[in-house]
PDB file of N, CA and C in Angstrom:
ATOM      1  N   UNK A   1     -12.173 -45.011 -18.284  1.00  0.00           N
ATOM      2  CA  UNK A   1     -11.304 -43.930 -18.663  1.00  0.00           C
ATOM      3  C   UNK A   1     -10.624 -44.294 -19.982  1.00  0.00           C
ATOM      4  N   UNK A   2     -10.556 -43.318 -20.849  1.00  0.00           N
ATOM      5  CA  UNK A   2      -9.925 -43.548 -22.143  1.00  0.00           C
ATOM      6  C   UNK A   2      -8.584 -42.828 -22.200  1.00  0.00           C
ATOM      7  N   UNK A   3      -7.730 -43.323 -23.023  1.00  0.00           N
ATOM      8  CA  UNK A   3      -6.384 -42.782 -23.143  1.00  0.00           C
ATOM      9  C   UNK A   3      -6.217 -42.134 -24.511  1.00  0.00           C
ATOM     10  N   UNK A   4      -5.529 -41.002 -24.545  1.00  0.00           N
ATOM     11  CA  UNK A   4      -5.209 -40.343 -25.815  1.00  0.00           C
ATOM     12  C   UNK A   4      -3.704 -40.133 -25.877  1.00  0.00           C
ATOM     13  N   UNK A   5      -3.238 -39.880 -27.079  1.00  0.00           N
ATOM     14  CA  UNK A   5      -1.804 -39.693 -27.290  1.00  0.00           C
ATOM     15  C   UNK A   5      -1.567 -38.289 -27.828  1.00  0.00           C
ATOM     16  N   UNK A   6      -0.523 -37.625 -27.348  1.00  0.00           N
ATOM     17  CA  UNK A   6      -0.175 -36.296 -27.830  1.00  0.00           C
ATOM     18  C   UNK A   6       0.640 -36.456 -29.108  1.00  0.00           C
ATOM     19  N   UNK A   7       0.208 -35.766 -30.167  1.00  0.00           N
ATOM     20  CA  UNK A   7       0.920 -35.842 -31.449  1.00  0.00           C
ATOM     21  C   UNK A   7       2.187 -34.991 -31.390  1.00  0.00           C
ATOM     22  N   UNK A   8       3.060 -35.115 -32.399  1.00  0.00           N
ATOM     23  CA  UNK A   8       4.263 -34.274 -32.441  1.00  0.00           C
ATOM     24  C   UNK A   8       3.939 -32.771 -32.468  1.00  0.00           C
ATOM     25  N   UNK A   9       2.710 -32.422 -32.889  1.00  0.00           N
ATOM     26  CA  UNK A   9       2.280 -31.022 -32.899  1.00  0.00           C
ATOM     27  C   UNK A   9       1.511 -30.659 -31.620  1.00  0.00           C
ATOM     28  N   UNK A  10       1.575 -31.512 -30.620  1.00  0.00           N
ATOM     29  CA  UNK A  10       0.895 -31.320 -29.329  1.00  0.00           C
ATOM     30  C   UNK A  10      -0.628 -31.302 -29.462  1.00  0.00           C
ATOM     31  N   UNK A  11      -1.158 -32.065 -30.386  1.00  0.00           N
ATOM     32  CA  UNK A  11      -2.599 -32.177 -30.569  1.00  0.00           C
ATOM     33  C   UNK A  11      -3.082 -33.493 -29.963  1.00  0.00           C
ATOM     34  N   UNK A  12      -4.342 -33.487 -29.507  1.00  0.00           N
ATOM     35  CA  UNK A  12      -4.962 -34.716 -29.018  1.00  0.00           C
ATOM     36  C   UNK A  12      -6.333 -34.849 -29.674  1.00  0.00           C
ATOM     37  N   UNK A  13      -6.808 -36.070 -29.807  1.00  0.00           N
ATOM     38  CA  UNK A  13      -8.127 -36.336 -30.357  1.00  0.00           C
ATOM     39  C   UNK A  13      -9.038 -36.710 -29.195  1.00  0.00           C
ATOM     40  N   UNK A  14     -10.163 -35.997 -29.066  1.00  0.00           N
ATOM     41  CA  UNK A  14     -11.135 -36.314 -28.024  1.00  0.00           C
ATOM     42  C   UNK A  14     -11.893 -37.556 -28.483  1.00  0.00           C
ATOM     43  N   UNK A  15     -11.930 -38.603 -27.666  1.00  0.00           N
ATOM     44  CA  UNK A  15     -12.597 -39.847 -28.073  1.00  0.00           C
ATOM     45  C   UNK A  15     -14.066 -39.632 -28.450  1.00  0.00           C
ATOM     46  N   UNK A  16     -14.533 -40.407 -29.419  1.00  0.00           N
ATOM     47  CA  UNK A  16     -15.894 -40.298 -29.938  1.00  0.00           C
ATOM     48  C   UNK A  16     -16.939 -40.356 -28.831  1.00  0.00           C
ATOM     49  N   UNK A  17     -16.793 -41.292 -27.916  1.00  0.00           N
ATOM     50  CA  UNK A  17     -17.778 -41.439 -26.831  1.00  0.00           C
ATOM     51  C   UNK A  17     -17.901 -40.146 -26.016  1.00  0.00           C
ATOM     52  N   UNK A  18     -16.780 -39.507 -25.748  1.00  0.00           N
ATOM     53  CA  UNK A  18     -16.781 -38.255 -24.987  1.00  0.00           C
ATOM     54  C   UNK A  18     -17.398 -37.129 -25.819  1.00  0.00           C
ATOM     55  N   UNK A  19     -17.007 -37.034 -27.092  1.00  0.00           N
ATOM     56  CA  UNK A  19     -17.565 -35.991 -27.973  1.00  0.00           C
ATOM     57  C   UNK A  19     -19.075 -36.099 -28.057  1.00  0.00           C
ATOM     58  N   UNK A  20     -19.572 -37.311 -28.237  1.00  0.00           N
ATOM     59  CA  UNK A  20     -21.016 -37.505 -28.370  1.00  0.00           C
ATOM     60  C   UNK A  20     -21.743 -37.222 -27.061  1.00  0.00           C
ATOM     61  N   UNK A  21     -21.224 -37.720 -25.950  1.00  0.00           N
ATOM     62  CA  UNK A  21     -21.912 -37.530 -24.674  1.00  0.00           C
ATOM     63  C   UNK A  21     -21.936 -36.062 -24.250  1.00  0.00           C
ATOM     64  N   UNK A  22     -20.936 -35.287 -24.670  1.00  0.00           N
ATOM     65  CA  UNK A  22     -20.885 -33.865 -24.310  1.00  0.00           C
ATOM     66  C   UNK A  22     -21.395 -32.972 -25.433  1.00  0.00           C
ATOM     67  N   UNK A  23     -21.845 -33.603 -26.529  1.00  0.00           N
ATOM     68  CA  UNK A  23     -22.393 -32.891 -27.686  1.00  0.00           C
ATOM     69  C   UNK A  23     -21.417 -31.840 -28.221  1.00  0.00           C
ATOM     70  N   UNK A  24     -20.138 -32.211 -28.338  1.00  0.00           N
ATOM     71  CA  UNK A  24     -19.126 -31.313 -28.889  1.00  0.00           C
ATOM     72  C   UNK A  24     -19.222 -31.307 -30.408  1.00  0.00           C
ATOM     73  N   UNK A  25     -18.979 -30.147 -30.990  1.00  0.00           N
ATOM     74  CA  UNK A  25     -19.069 -29.992 -32.440  1.00  0.00           C
ATOM     75  C   UNK A  25     -17.731 -29.499 -32.993  1.00  0.00           C
ATOM     76  N   UNK A  26     -17.425 -29.810 -34.263  1.00  0.00           N
ATOM     77  CA  UNK A  26     -16.198 -29.301 -34.877  1.00  0.00           C
ATOM     78  C   UNK A  26     -16.180 -27.772 -34.843  1.00  0.00           C
ATOM     79  N   UNK A  27     -15.048 -27.205 -34.488  1.00  0.00           N
ATOM     80  CA  UNK A  27     -14.914 -25.753 -34.431  1.00  0.00           C
ATOM     81  C   UNK A  27     -15.304 -25.150 -33.096  1.00  0.00           C
ATOM     82  N   UNK A  28     -15.923 -25.940 -32.228  1.00  0.00           N
ATOM     83  CA  UNK A  28     -16.321 -25.433 -30.913  1.00  0.00           C
ATOM     84  C   UNK A  28     -15.068 -25.127 -30.083  1.00  0.00           C
ATOM     85  N   UNK A  29     -15.127 -24.075 -29.283  1.00  0.00           N
ATOM     86  CA  UNK A  29     -13.989 -23.687 -28.463  1.00  0.00           C
ATOM     87  C   UNK A  29     -14.065 -24.336 -27.089  1.00  0.00           C
ATOM     88  N   UNK A  30     -12.881 -24.579 -26.521  1.00  0.00           N
ATOM     89  CA  UNK A  30     -12.768 -25.141 -25.179  1.00  0.00           C
ATOM     90  C   UNK A  30     -11.801 -24.273 -24.376  1.00  0.00           C
ATOM     91  N   UNK A  31     -12.124 -24.064 -23.104  1.00  0.00           N
ATOM     92  CA  UNK A  31     -11.159 -23.443 -22.197  1.00  0.00           C
ATOM     93  C   UNK A  31     -10.230 -24.558 -21.738  1.00  0.00           C
ATOM     94  N   UNK A  32      -8.933 -24.296 -21.724  1.00  0.00           N
ATOM     95  CA  UNK A  32      -7.958 -25.271 -21.252  1.00  0.00           C
ATOM     96  C   UNK A  32      -7.358 -24.711 -19.964  1.00  0.00           C
ATOM     97  N   UNK A  33      -7.509 -25.473 -18.888  1.00  0.00           N
ATOM     98  CA  UNK A  33      -7.083 -25.011 -17.572  1.00  0.00           C
ATOM     99  C   UNK A  33      -6.141 -26.030 -16.945  1.00  0.00           C
ATOM    100  N   UNK A  34      -5.074 -25.547 -16.380  1.00  0.00           N
ATOM    101  CA  UNK A  34      -4.196 -26.409 -15.581  1.00  0.00           C
ATOM    102  C   UNK A  34      -4.679 -26.329 -14.140  1.00  0.00           C
ATOM    103  N   UNK A  35      -5.080 -27.442 -13.577  1.00  0.00           N
ATOM    104  CA  UNK A  35      -5.590 -27.498 -12.215  1.00  0.00           C
ATOM    105  C   UNK A  35      -4.850 -28.600 -11.481  1.00  0.00           C
ATOM    106  N   UNK A  36      -4.130 -28.210 -10.425  1.00  0.00           N
ATOM    107  CA  UNK A  36      -3.304 -29.153  -9.671  1.00  0.00           C
ATOM    108  C   UNK A  36      -2.348 -29.822 -10.657  1.00  0.00           C
ATOM    109  N   UNK A  37      -2.437 -31.134 -10.776  1.00  0.00           N
ATOM    110  CA  UNK A  37      -1.522 -31.864 -11.672  1.00  0.00           C
ATOM    111  C   UNK A  37      -2.283 -32.475 -12.843  1.00  0.00           C
ATOM    112  N   UNK A  38      -3.254 -31.708 -13.376  1.00  0.00           N
ATOM    113  CA  UNK A  38      -4.023 -32.230 -14.507  1.00  0.00           C
ATOM    114  C   UNK A  38      -4.426 -31.104 -15.449  1.00  0.00           C
ATOM    115  N   UNK A  39      -4.897 -31.485 -16.618  1.00  0.00           N
ATOM    116  CA  UNK A  39      -5.382 -30.540 -17.630  1.00  0.00           C
ATOM    117  C   UNK A  39      -6.887 -30.745 -17.751  1.00  0.00           C
ATOM    118  N   UNK A  40      -7.644 -29.662 -17.688  1.00  0.00           N
ATOM    119  CA  UNK A  40      -9.093 -29.742 -17.844  1.00  0.00           C
ATOM    120  C   UNK A  40      -9.500 -28.925 -19.060  1.00  0.00           C
ATOM    121  N   UNK A  41     -10.428 -29.470 -19.849  1.00  0.00           N
ATOM    122  CA  UNK A  41     -10.966 -28.763 -21.006  1.00  0.00           C
ATOM    123  C   UNK A  41     -12.457 -28.554 -20.770  1.00  0.00           C
ATOM    124  N   UNK A  42     -12.884 -27.294 -20.815  1.00  0.00           N
ATOM    125  CA  UNK A  42     -14.265 -26.944 -20.512  1.00  0.00           C
ATOM    126  C   UNK A  42     -14.878 -26.292 -21.744  1.00  0.00           C
ATOM    127  N   UNK A  43     -15.979 -26.842 -22.261  1.00  0.00           N
ATOM    128  CA  UNK A  43     -16.611 -26.252 -23.447  1.00  0.00           C
ATOM    129  C   UNK A  43     -17.063 -24.818 -23.190  1.00  0.00           C
ATOM    130  N   UNK A  44     -16.787 -23.940 -24.143  1.00  0.00           N
ATOM    131  CA  UNK A  44     -17.258 -22.556 -24.084  1.00  0.00           C
ATOM    132  C   UNK A  44     -18.671 -22.551 -24.642  1.00  0.00           C
ATOM    133  N   UNK A  45     -19.578 -21.937 -23.896  1.00  0.00           N
ATOM    134  CA  UNK A  45     -20.974 -21.874 -24.352  1.00  0.00           C
ATOM    135  C   UNK A  45     -21.367 -20.426 -24.588  1.00  0.00           C
ATOM    136  N   UNK A  46     -22.285 -20.229 -25.531  1.00  0.00           N
ATOM    137  CA  UNK A  46     -22.808 -18.898 -25.790  1.00  0.00           C
ATOM    138  C   UNK A  46     -23.685 -18.484 -24.622  1.00  0.00           C
ATOM    139  N   UNK A  47     -23.804 -17.197 -24.405  1.00  0.00           N
ATOM    140  CA  UNK A  47     -24.576 -16.695 -23.280  1.00  0.00           C
ATOM    141  C   UNK A  47     -26.037 -17.140 -23.364  1.00  0.00           C
ATOM    142  N   UNK A  48     -26.565 -17.294 -24.586  1.00  0.00           N
ATOM    143  CA  UNK A  48     -27.951 -17.745 -24.743  1.00  0.00           C
ATOM    144  C   UNK A  48     -28.139 -19.153 -24.184  1.00  0.00           C
ATOM    145  N   UNK A  49     -27.123 -19.992 -24.319  1.00  0.00           N
ATOM    146  CA  UNK A  49     -27.200 -21.363 -23.817  1.00  0.00           C
ATOM    147  C   UNK A  49     -27.126 -21.420 -22.290  1.00  0.00           C
ATOM    148  N   UNK A  50     -26.605 -20.366 -21.669  1.00  0.00           N
ATOM    149  CA  UNK A  50     -26.430 -20.344 -20.221  1.00  0.00           C
ATOM    150  C   UNK A  50     -27.706 -19.961 -19.482  1.00  0.00           C
ATOM    151  N   UNK A  51     -28.691 -19.454 -20.197  1.00  0.00           N
ATOM    152  CA  UNK A  51     -29.920 -19.007 -19.558  1.00  0.00           C
ATOM    153  C   UNK A  51     -30.560 -20.141 -18.754  1.00  0.00           C
ATOM    154  N   UNK A  52     -30.798 -19.865 -17.473  1.00  0.00           N
ATOM    155  CA  UNK A  52     -31.468 -20.818 -16.606  1.00  0.00           C
ATOM    156  C   UNK A  52     -30.578 -21.866 -15.965  1.00  0.00           C
ATOM    157  N   UNK A  53     -29.264 -21.830 -16.193  1.00  0.00           N
ATOM    158  CA  UNK A  53     -28.427 -22.900 -15.659  1.00  0.00           C
ATOM    159  C   UNK A  53     -28.280 -22.817 -14.137  1.00  0.00           C
ATOM    160  N   UNK A  54     -28.629 -21.682 -13.531  1.00  0.00           N
ATOM    161  CA  UNK A  54     -28.583 -21.555 -12.075  1.00  0.00           C
ATOM    162  C   UNK A  54     -29.947 -21.770 -11.434  1.00  0.00           C
ATOM    163  N   UNK A  55     -30.926 -22.168 -12.204  1.00  0.00           N
ATOM    164  CA  UNK A  55     -32.279 -22.360 -11.702  1.00  0.00           C
ATOM    165  C   UNK A  55     -32.275 -23.351 -10.532  1.00  0.00           C
ATOM    166  N   UNK A  56     -32.944 -22.965  -9.462  1.00  0.00           N
ATOM    167  CA  UNK A  56     -33.043 -23.839  -8.303  1.00  0.00           C
ATOM    168  C   UNK A  56     -31.997 -23.588  -7.232  1.00  0.00           C
ATOM    169  N   UNK A  57     -31.023 -22.730  -7.509  1.00  0.00           N
ATOM    170  CA  UNK A  57     -30.003 -22.427  -6.502  1.00  0.00           C
ATOM    171  C   UNK A  57     -30.593 -21.426  -5.512  1.00  0.00           C
ATOM    172  N   UNK A  58     -30.445 -21.673  -4.209  1.00  0.00           N
ATOM    173  CA  UNK A  58     -31.007 -20.746  -3.227  1.00  0.00           C
ATOM    174  C   UNK A  58     -30.378 -19.351  -3.354  1.00  0.00           C
ATOM    175  N   UNK A  59     -31.209 -18.333  -3.279  1.00  0.00           N
ATOM    176  CA  UNK A  59     -30.722 -16.968  -3.413  1.00  0.00           C
ATOM    177  C   UNK A  59     -30.651 -16.237  -2.081  1.00  0.00           C
ATOM    178  N   UNK A  60     -31.141 -16.862  -1.020  1.00  0.00           N
ATOM    179  CA  UNK A  60     -31.068 -16.256   0.317  1.00  0.00           C
ATOM    180  C   UNK A  60     -29.666 -16.499   0.872  1.00  0.00           C
ATOM    181  N   UNK A  61     -28.963 -15.414   1.134  1.00  0.00           N
ATOM    182  CA  UNK A  61     -27.600 -15.502   1.632  1.00  0.00           C
ATOM    183  C   UNK A  61     -27.512 -14.689   2.918  1.00  0.00           C
ATOM    184  N   UNK A  62     -26.869 -15.250   3.941  1.00  0.00           N
ATOM    185  CA  UNK A  62     -26.671 -14.491   5.175  1.00  0.00           C
ATOM    186  C   UNK A  62     -25.760 -13.306   4.869  1.00  0.00           C
ATOM    187  N   UNK A  63     -26.202 -12.119   5.264  1.00  0.00           N
ATOM    188  CA  UNK A  63     -25.428 -10.905   4.983  1.00  0.00           C
ATOM    189  C   UNK A  63     -24.924 -10.285   6.285  1.00  0.00           C
ATOM    190  N   UNK A  64     -23.850  -9.559   6.163  1.00  0.00           N
ATOM    191  CA  UNK A  64     -23.347  -8.821   7.315  1.00  0.00           C
ATOM    192  C   UNK A  64     -24.296  -7.649   7.589  1.00  0.00           C
ATOM    193  N   UNK A  65     -24.325  -7.186   8.823  1.00  0.00           N
ATOM    194  CA  UNK A  65     -25.289  -6.146   9.218  1.00  0.00           C
ATOM    195  C   UNK A  65     -25.194  -4.906   8.363  1.00  0.00           C
ATOM    196  N   UNK A  66     -24.010  -4.516   7.942  1.00  0.00           N
ATOM    197  CA  UNK A  66     -23.854  -3.290   7.165  1.00  0.00           C
ATOM    198  C   UNK A  66     -24.233  -3.458   5.696  1.00  0.00           C
ATOM    199  N   UNK A  67     -24.679  -4.635   5.287  1.00  0.00           N
ATOM    200  CA  UNK A  67     -25.024  -4.902   3.887  1.00  0.00           C
ATOM    201  C   UNK A  67     -26.524  -4.921   3.632  1.00  0.00           C
ATOM    202  N   UNK A  68     -27.350  -4.581   4.619  1.00  0.00           N
ATOM    203  CA  UNK A  68     -28.806  -4.586   4.408  1.00  0.00           C
ATOM    204  C   UNK A  68     -29.260  -3.385   3.651  1.00  0.00           C
TER     205      UNK A  68
END
Protein backbone atom coordinates (compact mmCIF):
# COMPACT_ATOMS: atom_id res chain seq x y z
CA UNK A 1 0.00 0.00 0.00
CA UNK A 2 1.27 3.43 -0.88
CA UNK A 3 0.66 6.65 0.94
CA UNK A 4 -0.20 10.04 -0.56
CA UNK A 5 -0.46 13.47 0.97
CA UNK A 6 -3.28 15.97 0.48
CA UNK A 7 -1.96 19.34 -0.72
CA UNK A 8 -3.23 22.68 0.62
CA UNK A 9 -5.48 22.75 -2.49
CA UNK A 10 -6.87 19.28 -1.60
CA UNK A 11 -5.04 17.61 -4.48
CA UNK A 12 -3.36 14.20 -4.39
CA UNK A 13 -0.87 12.58 -6.75
CA UNK A 14 -1.68 9.02 -7.84
CA UNK A 15 1.54 6.99 -7.46
CA UNK A 16 3.33 6.01 -10.69
CA UNK A 17 2.96 2.27 -10.04
CA UNK A 18 -0.82 2.65 -9.72
CA UNK A 19 -1.10 4.93 -12.78
CA UNK A 20 0.85 2.50 -14.93
CA UNK A 21 -0.90 -0.66 -13.72
CA UNK A 22 -4.33 0.91 -14.33
CA UNK A 23 -3.22 2.59 -17.58
CA UNK A 24 -4.39 6.04 -16.41
CA UNK A 25 -3.69 8.96 -18.72
CA UNK A 26 -3.42 12.72 -18.09
CA UNK A 27 -6.83 14.37 -18.41
CA UNK A 28 -8.71 11.12 -17.83
CA UNK A 29 -11.77 11.48 -15.59
CA UNK A 30 -12.38 9.52 -12.39
CA UNK A 31 -15.57 9.03 -10.40
CA UNK A 32 -14.94 9.87 -6.74
CA UNK A 33 -17.17 7.96 -4.34
CA UNK A 34 -17.40 8.00 -0.57
CA UNK A 35 -18.01 4.42 0.55
CA UNK A 36 -18.22 3.61 4.25
CA UNK A 37 -15.14 5.29 5.73
CA UNK A 38 -13.04 5.52 2.58
CA UNK A 39 -12.68 7.35 -0.74
CA UNK A 40 -12.75 5.35 -3.97
CA UNK A 41 -11.70 6.65 -7.39
CA UNK A 42 -13.05 4.75 -10.39
CA UNK A 43 -11.81 5.49 -13.93
CA UNK A 44 -14.53 6.68 -16.31
CA UNK A 45 -14.46 4.68 -19.53
CA UNK A 46 -16.00 5.44 -22.90
CA UNK A 47 -18.91 3.25 -23.90
CA UNK A 48 -16.81 1.75 -26.72
CA UNK A 49 -14.32 0.45 -24.15
CA UNK A 50 -17.14 -1.23 -22.19
CA UNK A 51 -18.14 -3.52 -25.04
CA UNK A 52 -17.90 -7.15 -23.94
CA UNK A 53 -17.04 -6.50 -20.30
CA UNK A 54 -20.00 -8.66 -19.18
CA UNK A 55 -19.00 -11.56 -21.42
CA UNK A 56 -19.39 -14.88 -19.65
CA UNK A 57 -21.92 -13.72 -17.06
CA UNK A 58 -24.89 -16.11 -16.87
CA UNK A 59 -28.04 -14.60 -18.36
CA UNK A 60 -30.51 -17.19 -17.04
CA UNK A 61 -32.29 -15.62 -14.10
CA UNK A 62 -35.09 -17.16 -12.04
CA UNK A 63 -38.20 -15.09 -12.73
CA UNK A 64 -41.45 -14.71 -10.88
CA UNK A 65 -44.43 -16.44 -12.52
CA UNK A 66 -45.99 -13.18 -13.69
CA UNK A 67 -42.78 -12.17 -15.54
CA UNK A 68 -42.80 -14.88 -18.25
